[in-house]
């Protein structure tokens, strides 16, 4: 079945693929619009919508594809060393399956992984928890965030609504440095910035949009928000692969 789907993606024109995907997404949205953020993201992992065998915890290709992950880890390792992170606490908001976090934790004095999916956090704590590495079940939209010096927000905002992002942004003020990663459309496919959406597995890229925190309605100060890494994205055939950008936000500067 997967081979058939892949063949159809290659044969059908981009417009037909996008139309079908929008239709499928609308049907799914109608079924799931009453789910809370915690219910929604728990369902995503339960149904293995981001990949991996059913019953496992997988945060998707963006957390495992070496062409995306490799440059990110190398860039942040350098940045963390410059910040003296070996004696600091890092908080990973939306830590997911810890495949990225475990590579960042080794550069930090202490690592705290946060996620809204309770079974995922319980699995991570049982499998990876140590004196230096801990995991907490929190809703970053509604709950207070853990204390720390450095914060990672890697491809998390793209799954939230604008109102939810706006609820999280002021909380980042407790950190000195925030590394924020977002998946943006390629320049020729960018239609509009910061189109709103419901929380869920889908991202704005499919509609030619993305999360641009320096633009309305977010408007974080541009002099505290700078690009530190850009790599090509990856998407299914027929979909704009976009670019994955990592920014350093300094709320306290």
C-alpha atoms as a PDB file:
ATOM      1  CA  UNK A   1       0.000   0.000   0.000  1.00  0.00           C
ATOM      2  CA  UNK A   2       2.812   2.422   0.881  1.00  0.00           C
ATOM      3  CA  UNK A   3       4.516   1.710  -2.449  1.00  0.00           C
ATOM      4  CA  UNK A   4       1.255   2.448  -4.264  1.00  0.00           C
ATOM      5  CA  UNK A   5       0.876   5.736  -2.392  1.00  0.00           C
ATOM      6  CA  UNK A   6       4.437   6.722  -3.249  1.00  0.00           C
ATOM      7  CA  UNK A   7       3.858   5.940  -6.941  1.00  0.00           C
ATOM      8  CA  UNK A   8       0.662   8.004  -7.012  1.00  0.00           C
ATOM      9  CA  UNK A   9       2.460  10.947  -5.403  1.00  0.00           C
ATOM     10  CA  UNK A  10       5.019  10.891  -8.195  1.00  0.00           C
ATOM     11  CA  UNK A  11       2.427  10.621 -10.978  1.00  0.00           C
ATOM     12  CA  UNK A  12      -0.116  13.165  -9.804  1.00  0.00           C
ATOM     13  CA  UNK A  13       0.509  16.883 -10.425  1.00  0.00           C
ATOM     14  CA  UNK A  14       1.395  19.057  -7.437  1.00  0.00           C
ATOM     15  CA  UNK A  15      -1.965  20.865  -7.530  1.00  0.00           C
ATOM     16  CA  UNK A  16      -3.952  17.631  -7.336  1.00  0.00           C
ATOM     17  CA  UNK A  17      -1.839  16.380  -4.436  1.00  0.00           C
ATOM     18  CA  UNK A  18      -2.290  19.615  -2.510  1.00  0.00           C
ATOM     19  CA  UNK A  19      -6.060  19.633  -3.156  1.00  0.00           C
ATOM     20  CA  UNK A  20      -6.395  16.045  -1.950  1.00  0.00           C
ATOM     21  CA  UNK A  21      -4.302  16.736   1.108  1.00  0.00           C
ATOM     22  CA  UNK A  22      -6.376  19.801   2.026  1.00  0.00           C
ATOM     23  CA  UNK A  23      -9.582  17.782   1.637  1.00  0.00           C
ATOM     24  CA  UNK A  24      -8.200  14.993   3.830  1.00  0.00           C
ATOM     25  CA  UNK A  25      -6.983  17.489   6.425  1.00  0.00           C
ATOM     26  CA  UNK A  26     -10.385  19.236   6.586  1.00  0.00           C
ATOM     27  CA  UNK A  27     -12.108  15.901   7.230  1.00  0.00           C
ATOM     28  CA  UNK A  28      -9.622  15.073   9.968  1.00  0.00           C
ATOM     29  CA  UNK A  29      -9.936  18.540  11.506  1.00  0.00           C
ATOM     30  CA  UNK A  30     -13.705  18.179  11.772  1.00  0.00           C
ATOM     31  CA  UNK A  31     -13.299  14.905  13.655  1.00  0.00           C
ATOM     32  CA  UNK A  32     -10.625  16.176  16.006  1.00  0.00           C
ATOM     33  CA  UNK A  33     -11.454  19.844  16.564  1.00  0.00           C
ATOM     34  CA  UNK A  34     -12.812  19.171  20.075  1.00  0.00           C
ATOM     35  CA  UNK A  35      -9.644  17.484  21.305  1.00  0.00           C
ATOM     36  CA  UNK A  36      -7.491  19.391  23.774  1.00  0.00           C
ATOM     37  CA  UNK A  37      -3.812  19.876  22.950  1.00  0.00           C
ATOM     38  CA  UNK A  38      -2.867  17.038  25.290  1.00  0.00           C
ATOM     39  CA  UNK A  39      -5.459  14.699  23.780  1.00  0.00           C
ATOM     40  CA  UNK A  40      -4.403  15.643  20.259  1.00  0.00           C
ATOM     41  CA  UNK A  41      -0.673  15.085  20.665  1.00  0.00           C
ATOM     42  CA  UNK A  42      -1.216  11.911  22.666  1.00  0.00           C
ATOM     43  CA  UNK A  43      -3.328  10.626  19.756  1.00  0.00           C
ATOM     44  CA  UNK A  44      -0.563  11.543  17.291  1.00  0.00           C
ATOM     45  CA  UNK A  45       1.917   9.359  19.140  1.00  0.00           C
ATOM     46  CA  UNK A  46      -0.606   6.589  19.778  1.00  0.00           C
ATOM     47  CA  UNK A  47      -1.430   6.431  16.052  1.00  0.00           C
ATOM     48  CA  UNK A  48       2.247   6.783  15.059  1.00  0.00           C
ATOM     49  CA  UNK A  49       1.351   9.696  12.756  1.00  0.00           C
ATOM     50  CA  UNK A  50       4.914  10.949  12.819  1.00  0.00           C
ATOM     51  CA  UNK A  51       6.339   7.552  11.904  1.00  0.00           C
ATOM     52  CA  UNK A  52       7.692   4.473  13.612  1.00  0.00           C
ATOM     53  CA  UNK A  53       5.812   1.272  14.471  1.00  0.00           C
ATOM     54  CA  UNK A  54       2.468   1.625  16.190  1.00  0.00           C
ATOM     55  CA  UNK A  55       2.933   1.618  19.943  1.00  0.00           C
ATOM     56  CA  UNK A  56       6.365   3.224  19.778  1.00  0.00           C
ATOM     57  CA  UNK A  57       7.241   6.882  20.266  1.00  0.00           C
ATOM     58  CA  UNK A  58       8.579   8.641  17.165  1.00  0.00           C
ATOM     59  CA  UNK A  59       8.792  12.394  16.653  1.00  0.00           C
ATOM     60  CA  UNK A  60       9.091  12.232  12.871  1.00  0.00           C
ATOM     61  CA  UNK A  61      11.760  12.425  10.181  1.00  0.00           C
ATOM     62  CA  UNK A  62      12.760  15.936  11.261  1.00  0.00           C
ATOM     63  CA  UNK A  63      14.160  14.370  14.438  1.00  0.00           C
ATOM     64  CA  UNK A  64      15.937  11.494  12.703  1.00  0.00           C
ATOM     65  CA  UNK A  65      17.008  12.548   9.191  1.00  0.00           C
ATOM     66  CA  UNK A  66      20.775  13.098   9.341  1.00  0.00           C
ATOM     67  CA  UNK A  67      20.811  15.833   6.676  1.00  0.00           C
ATOM     68  CA  UNK A  68      18.586  17.874   9.008  1.00  0.00           C
ATOM     69  CA  UNK A  69      19.738  16.717  12.429  1.00  0.00           C
ATOM     70  CA  UNK A  70      23.490  16.569  11.761  1.00  0.00           C
ATOM     71  CA  UNK A  71      24.013  20.277  10.944  1.00  0.00           C
ATOM     72  CA  UNK A  72      21.687  21.250  13.807  1.00  0.00           C
ATOM     73  CA  UNK A  73      23.618  19.270  16.414  1.00  0.00           C
ATOM     74  CA  UNK A  74      26.997  20.487  15.135  1.00  0.00           C
ATOM     75  CA  UNK A  75      25.864  24.119  15.117  1.00  0.00           C
ATOM     76  CA  UNK A  76      24.297  23.981  18.574  1.00  0.00           C
ATOM     77  CA  UNK A  77      27.247  22.104  20.051  1.00  0.00           C
ATOM     78  CA  UNK A  78      29.433  25.053  19.059  1.00  0.00           C
ATOM     79  CA  UNK A  79      26.910  27.594  20.330  1.00  0.00           C
ATOM     80  CA  UNK A  80      26.472  25.774  23.652  1.00  0.00           C
ATOM     81  CA  UNK A  81      30.212  25.573  24.193  1.00  0.00           C
ATOM     82  CA  UNK A  82      30.494  29.328  23.621  1.00  0.00           C
ATOM     83  CA  UNK A  83      27.728  29.942  26.174  1.00  0.00           C
ATOM     84  CA  UNK A  84      29.400  27.775  28.798  1.00  0.00           C
ATOM     85  CA  UNK A  85      26.452  25.370  28.824  1.00  0.00           C
ATOM     86  CA  UNK A  86      28.485  22.680  30.579  1.00  0.00           C
ATOM     87  CA  UNK A  87      27.591  24.336  33.879  1.00  0.00           C
ATOM     88  CA  UNK A  88      24.070  25.446  32.919  1.00  0.00           C
ATOM     89  CA  UNK A  89      20.559  23.961  32.844  1.00  0.00           C
ATOM     90  CA  UNK A  90      18.838  23.467  29.482  1.00  0.00           C
ATOM     91  CA  UNK A  91      15.076  23.050  29.131  1.00  0.00           C
ATOM     92  CA  UNK A  92      13.767  21.312  26.004  1.00  0.00           C
ATOM     93  CA  UNK A  93      10.157  22.320  25.317  1.00  0.00           C
ATOM     94  CA  UNK A  94       8.473  19.582  23.287  1.00  0.00           C
ATOM     95  CA  UNK A  95      11.328  17.123  23.776  1.00  0.00           C
ATOM     96  CA  UNK A  96       9.460  14.331  21.960  1.00  0.00           C
ATOM     97  CA  UNK A  97      11.271  11.022  21.645  1.00  0.00           C
ATOM     98  CA  UNK A  98      14.574  12.486  22.984  1.00  0.00           C
ATOM     99  CA  UNK A  99      16.488  11.554  19.821  1.00  0.00           C
ATOM    100  CA  UNK A 100      17.623  15.188  19.488  1.00  0.00           C
ATOM    101  CA  UNK A 101      17.725  15.935  23.200  1.00  0.00           C
ATOM    102  CA  UNK A 102      20.139  13.147  24.031  1.00  0.00           C
ATOM    103  CA  UNK A 103      22.664  14.703  21.656  1.00  0.00           C
ATOM    104  CA  UNK A 104      22.205  18.147  23.220  1.00  0.00           C
ATOM    105  CA  UNK A 105      22.179  16.963  26.839  1.00  0.00           C
ATOM    106  CA  UNK A 106      25.824  15.910  26.706  1.00  0.00           C
ATOM    107  CA  UNK A 107      26.794  19.555  26.137  1.00  0.00           C
ATOM    108  CA  UNK A 108      24.797  20.858  29.118  1.00  0.00           C
ATOM    109  CA  UNK A 109      25.240  20.640  32.876  1.00  0.00           C
ATOM    110  CA  UNK A 110      21.639  19.535  33.337  1.00  0.00           C
ATOM    111  CA  UNK A 111      18.862  18.750  30.856  1.00  0.00           C
ATOM    112  CA  UNK A 112      15.096  18.887  31.493  1.00  0.00           C
ATOM    113  CA  UNK A 113      12.856  17.502  28.748  1.00  0.00           C
ATOM    114  CA  UNK A 114       9.262  18.725  28.717  1.00  0.00           C
ATOM    115  CA  UNK A 115       6.346  17.309  26.756  1.00  0.00           C
ATOM    116  CA  UNK A 116       2.549  17.354  26.883  1.00  0.00           C
ATOM    117  CA  UNK A 117       2.237  13.600  26.223  1.00  0.00           C
ATOM    118  CA  UNK A 118       2.293  11.820  29.588  1.00  0.00           C
ATOM    119  CA  UNK A 119       3.033   8.248  28.350  1.00  0.00           C
ATOM    120  CA  UNK A 120       5.932   9.638  26.308  1.00  0.00           C
ATOM    121  CA  UNK A 121       7.404  11.420  29.334  1.00  0.00           C
ATOM    122  CA  UNK A 122       7.001   8.319  31.486  1.00  0.00           C
ATOM    123  CA  UNK A 123       8.796   6.272  28.820  1.00  0.00           C
ATOM    124  CA  UNK A 124      11.614   8.814  28.516  1.00  0.00           C
ATOM    125  CA  UNK A 125      12.100   9.069  32.278  1.00  0.00           C
ATOM    126  CA  UNK A 126      12.222   5.299  32.671  1.00  0.00           C
ATOM    127  CA  UNK A 127      14.538   4.813  29.695  1.00  0.00           C
ATOM    128  CA  UNK A 128      16.832   7.858  29.830  1.00  0.00           C
ATOM    129  CA  UNK A 129      16.447   9.583  33.220  1.00  0.00           C
ATOM    130  CA  UNK A 130      19.651  10.135  35.208  1.00  0.00           C
ATOM    131  CA  UNK A 131      20.898  12.574  37.839  1.00  0.00           C
ATOM    132  CA  UNK A 132      21.633  15.031  35.029  1.00  0.00           C
ATOM    133  CA  UNK A 133      18.704  14.223  32.703  1.00  0.00           C
ATOM    134  CA  UNK A 134      15.072  14.496  33.784  1.00  0.00           C
ATOM    135  CA  UNK A 135      11.678  14.694  32.101  1.00  0.00           C
ATOM    136  CA  UNK A 136       8.508  16.530  33.119  1.00  0.00           C
ATOM    137  CA  UNK A 137       4.934  16.194  31.906  1.00  0.00           C
ATOM    138  CA  UNK A 138       3.776  19.773  31.303  1.00  0.00           C
ATOM    139  CA  UNK A 139       1.478  21.716  28.991  1.00  0.00           C
ATOM    140  CA  UNK A 140       3.706  24.594  27.903  1.00  0.00           C
ATOM    141  CA  UNK A 141       0.627  26.569  26.821  1.00  0.00           C
ATOM    142  CA  UNK A 142      -0.998  26.565  30.252  1.00  0.00           C
ATOM    143  CA  UNK A 143       1.646  25.564  32.821  1.00  0.00           C
ATOM    144  CA  UNK A 144       4.623  27.375  34.291  1.00  0.00           C
ATOM    145  CA  UNK A 145       7.883  26.368  32.653  1.00  0.00           C
ATOM    146  CA  UNK A 146      10.853  24.862  34.526  1.00  0.00           C
ATOM    147  CA  UNK A 147      13.680  27.122  35.627  1.00  0.00           C
ATOM    148  CA  UNK A 148      16.768  27.074  33.458  1.00  0.00           C
ATOM    149  CA  UNK A 149      19.339  29.073  31.542  1.00  0.00           C
ATOM    150  CA  UNK A 150      18.925  27.765  27.983  1.00  0.00           C
ATOM    151  CA  UNK A 151      15.764  26.722  26.170  1.00  0.00           C
ATOM    152  CA  UNK A 152      15.241  24.637  23.044  1.00  0.00           C
ATOM    153  CA  UNK A 153      11.987  24.924  21.067  1.00  0.00           C
ATOM    154  CA  UNK A 154      12.591  22.746  18.049  1.00  0.00           C
ATOM    155  CA  UNK A 155       9.782  22.631  15.465  1.00  0.00           C
ATOM    156  CA  UNK A 156       7.120  22.906  18.177  1.00  0.00           C
ATOM    157  CA  UNK A 157       5.396  26.221  17.453  1.00  0.00           C
ATOM    158  CA  UNK A 158       4.573  25.097  13.903  1.00  0.00           C
ATOM    159  CA  UNK A 159       2.121  22.585  15.405  1.00  0.00           C
ATOM    160  CA  UNK A 160       0.314  25.163  17.587  1.00  0.00           C
ATOM    161  CA  UNK A 161      -2.239  27.896  16.917  1.00  0.00           C
ATOM    162  CA  UNK A 162      -1.205  31.544  16.966  1.00  0.00           C
ATOM    163  CA  UNK A 163      -3.017  32.087  20.289  1.00  0.00           C
ATOM    164  CA  UNK A 164      -1.150  29.143  21.826  1.00  0.00           C
ATOM    165  CA  UNK A 165       2.195  30.465  20.595  1.00  0.00           C
ATOM    166  CA  UNK A 166       1.350  33.871  22.058  1.00  0.00           C
ATOM    167  CA  UNK A 167       0.633  32.176  25.394  1.00  0.00           C
ATOM    168  CA  UNK A 168       4.074  30.547  25.436  1.00  0.00           C
ATOM    169  CA  UNK A 169       6.270  33.419  24.238  1.00  0.00           C
ATOM    170  CA  UNK A 170       6.156  35.568  27.432  1.00  0.00           C
ATOM    171  CA  UNK A 171       7.229  32.535  29.474  1.00  0.00           C
ATOM    172  CA  UNK A 172      10.499  32.344  27.545  1.00  0.00           C
ATOM    173  CA  UNK A 173      11.622  35.483  29.379  1.00  0.00           C
ATOM    174  CA  UNK A 174      12.918  33.298  32.219  1.00  0.00           C
ATOM    175  CA  UNK A 175      15.667  31.926  29.956  1.00  0.00           C
ATOM    176  CA  UNK A 176      18.791  33.774  28.860  1.00  0.00           C
ATOM    177  CA  UNK A 177      19.031  32.030  25.504  1.00  0.00           C
ATOM    178  CA  UNK A 178      16.337  30.292  23.437  1.00  0.00           C
ATOM    179  CA  UNK A 179      17.128  28.270  20.334  1.00  0.00           C
ATOM    180  CA  UNK A 180      13.946  28.226  18.241  1.00  0.00           C
ATOM    181  CA  UNK A 181      13.627  26.133  15.079  1.00  0.00           C
ATOM    182  CA  UNK A 182      10.863  26.461  12.484  1.00  0.00           C
ATOM    183  CA  UNK A 183      10.069  24.946   9.069  1.00  0.00           C
ATOM    184  CA  UNK A 184       9.442  27.724   6.525  1.00  0.00           C
ATOM    185  CA  UNK A 185       8.304  27.551   2.885  1.00  0.00           C
ATOM    186  CA  UNK A 186      10.834  28.123   0.134  1.00  0.00           C
ATOM    187  CA  UNK A 187      10.857  31.748  -1.009  1.00  0.00           C
ATOM    188  CA  UNK A 188       8.941  30.976  -4.215  1.00  0.00           C
ATOM    189  CA  UNK A 189       6.205  29.132  -2.268  1.00  0.00           C
ATOM    190  CA  UNK A 190       5.720  31.630   0.568  1.00  0.00           C
ATOM    191  CA  UNK A 191       2.162  32.979   0.327  1.00  0.00           C
ATOM    192  CA  UNK A 192       1.594  34.518   3.748  1.00  0.00           C
ATOM    193  CA  UNK A 193       3.326  34.587   7.115  1.00  0.00           C
ATOM    194  CA  UNK A 194       1.774  33.273  10.321  1.00  0.00           C
ATOM    195  CA  UNK A 195      -1.478  31.873   8.934  1.00  0.00           C
ATOM    196  CA  UNK A 196      -3.430  30.561  11.904  1.00  0.00           C
ATOM    197  CA  UNK A 197      -4.190  26.868  12.405  1.00  0.00           C
ATOM    198  CA  UNK A 198      -5.459  24.465  15.038  1.00  0.00           C
ATOM    199  CA  UNK A 199      -2.994  22.520  17.137  1.00  0.00           C
ATOM    200  CA  UNK A 200      -2.136  19.178  15.593  1.00  0.00           C
ATOM    201  CA  UNK A 201       0.250  17.124  13.485  1.00  0.00           C
ATOM    202  CA  UNK A 202      -0.095  19.322  10.391  1.00  0.00           C
ATOM    203  CA  UNK A 203       2.044  22.427   9.799  1.00  0.00           C
ATOM    204  CA  UNK A 204       1.536  25.715   7.967  1.00  0.00           C
ATOM    205  CA  UNK A 205       4.051  24.789   5.257  1.00  0.00           C
ATOM    206  CA  UNK A 206       1.338  22.954   3.302  1.00  0.00           C
ATOM    207  CA  UNK A 207      -0.488  26.279   2.935  1.00  0.00           C
ATOM    208  CA  UNK A 208       2.581  28.250   1.946  1.00  0.00           C
ATOM    209  CA  UNK A 209       3.070  29.672   5.407  1.00  0.00           C
ATOM    210  CA  UNK A 210       5.156  29.256   8.531  1.00  0.00           C
ATOM    211  CA  UNK A 211       5.806  30.727  11.964  1.00  0.00           C
ATOM    212  CA  UNK A 212       7.782  33.980  11.704  1.00  0.00           C
ATOM    213  CA  UNK A 213       8.111  35.207  15.279  1.00  0.00           C
ATOM    214  CA  UNK A 214       9.511  38.604  14.326  1.00  0.00           C
ATOM    215  CA  UNK A 215       6.306  39.416  12.402  1.00  0.00           C
ATOM    216  CA  UNK A 216       2.715  40.118  13.567  1.00  0.00           C
ATOM    217  CA  UNK A 217       0.999  38.913  15.655  1.00  0.00           C
ATOM    218  CA  UNK A 218       4.113  37.825  17.591  1.00  0.00           C
ATOM    219  CA  UNK A 219       6.446  40.791  17.074  1.00  0.00           C
ATOM    220  CA  UNK A 220       9.396  39.661  19.167  1.00  0.00           C
ATOM    221  CA  UNK A 221      12.248  42.215  18.992  1.00  0.00           C
ATOM    222  CA  UNK A 222      14.273  41.614  15.857  1.00  0.00           C
ATOM    223  CA  UNK A 223      17.480  42.808  17.514  1.00  0.00           C
ATOM    224  CA  UNK A 224      17.211  39.877  19.955  1.00  0.00           C
ATOM    225  CA  UNK A 225      16.374  37.265  17.322  1.00  0.00           C
ATOM    226  CA  UNK A 226      19.010  36.173  14.845  1.00  0.00           C
ATOM    227  CA  UNK A 227      19.403  33.325  12.381  1.00  0.00           C
ATOM    228  CA  UNK A 228      22.105  30.810  13.324  1.00  0.00           C
ATOM    229  CA  UNK A 229      21.382  27.913  10.957  1.00  0.00           C
ATOM    230  CA  UNK A 230      19.450  27.164   7.762  1.00  0.00           C
ATOM    231  CA  UNK A 231      19.202  23.741   6.097  1.00  0.00           C
ATOM    232  CA  UNK A 232      16.972  22.375   3.300  1.00  0.00           C
ATOM    233  CA  UNK A 233      13.806  20.705   4.536  1.00  0.00           C
ATOM    234  CA  UNK A 234      12.381  17.374   3.471  1.00  0.00           C
ATOM    235  CA  UNK A 235       8.772  16.626   2.572  1.00  0.00           C
ATOM    236  CA  UNK A 236       6.862  13.995   0.554  1.00  0.00           C
ATOM    237  CA  UNK A 237       7.243  14.155  -3.250  1.00  0.00           C
ATOM    238  CA  UNK A 238       5.150  16.928  -4.764  1.00  0.00           C
ATOM    239  CA  UNK A 239       5.305  19.127  -1.654  1.00  0.00           C
ATOM    240  CA  UNK A 240       7.605  22.122  -1.225  1.00  0.00           C
ATOM    241  CA  UNK A 241      10.485  20.883   0.983  1.00  0.00           C
ATOM    242  CA  UNK A 242      10.981  24.349   2.400  1.00  0.00           C
ATOM    243  CA  UNK A 243      13.853  25.375   4.659  1.00  0.00           C
ATOM    244  CA  UNK A 244      14.423  24.644   8.330  1.00  0.00           C
ATOM    245  CA  UNK A 245      15.747  27.655  10.199  1.00  0.00           C
ATOM    246  CA  UNK A 246      17.120  27.886  13.720  1.00  0.00           C
ATOM    247  CA  UNK A 247      17.195  31.236  15.505  1.00  0.00           C
ATOM    248  CA  UNK A 248      18.779  32.402  18.743  1.00  0.00           C
ATOM    249  CA  UNK A 249      16.370  34.500  20.805  1.00  0.00           C
ATOM    250  CA  UNK A 250      17.750  36.420  23.773  1.00  0.00           C
ATOM    251  CA  UNK A 251      14.723  37.551  25.819  1.00  0.00           C
ATOM    252  CA  UNK A 252      16.772  39.168  28.606  1.00  0.00           C
ATOM    253  CA  UNK A 253      19.242  41.169  26.539  1.00  0.00           C
END
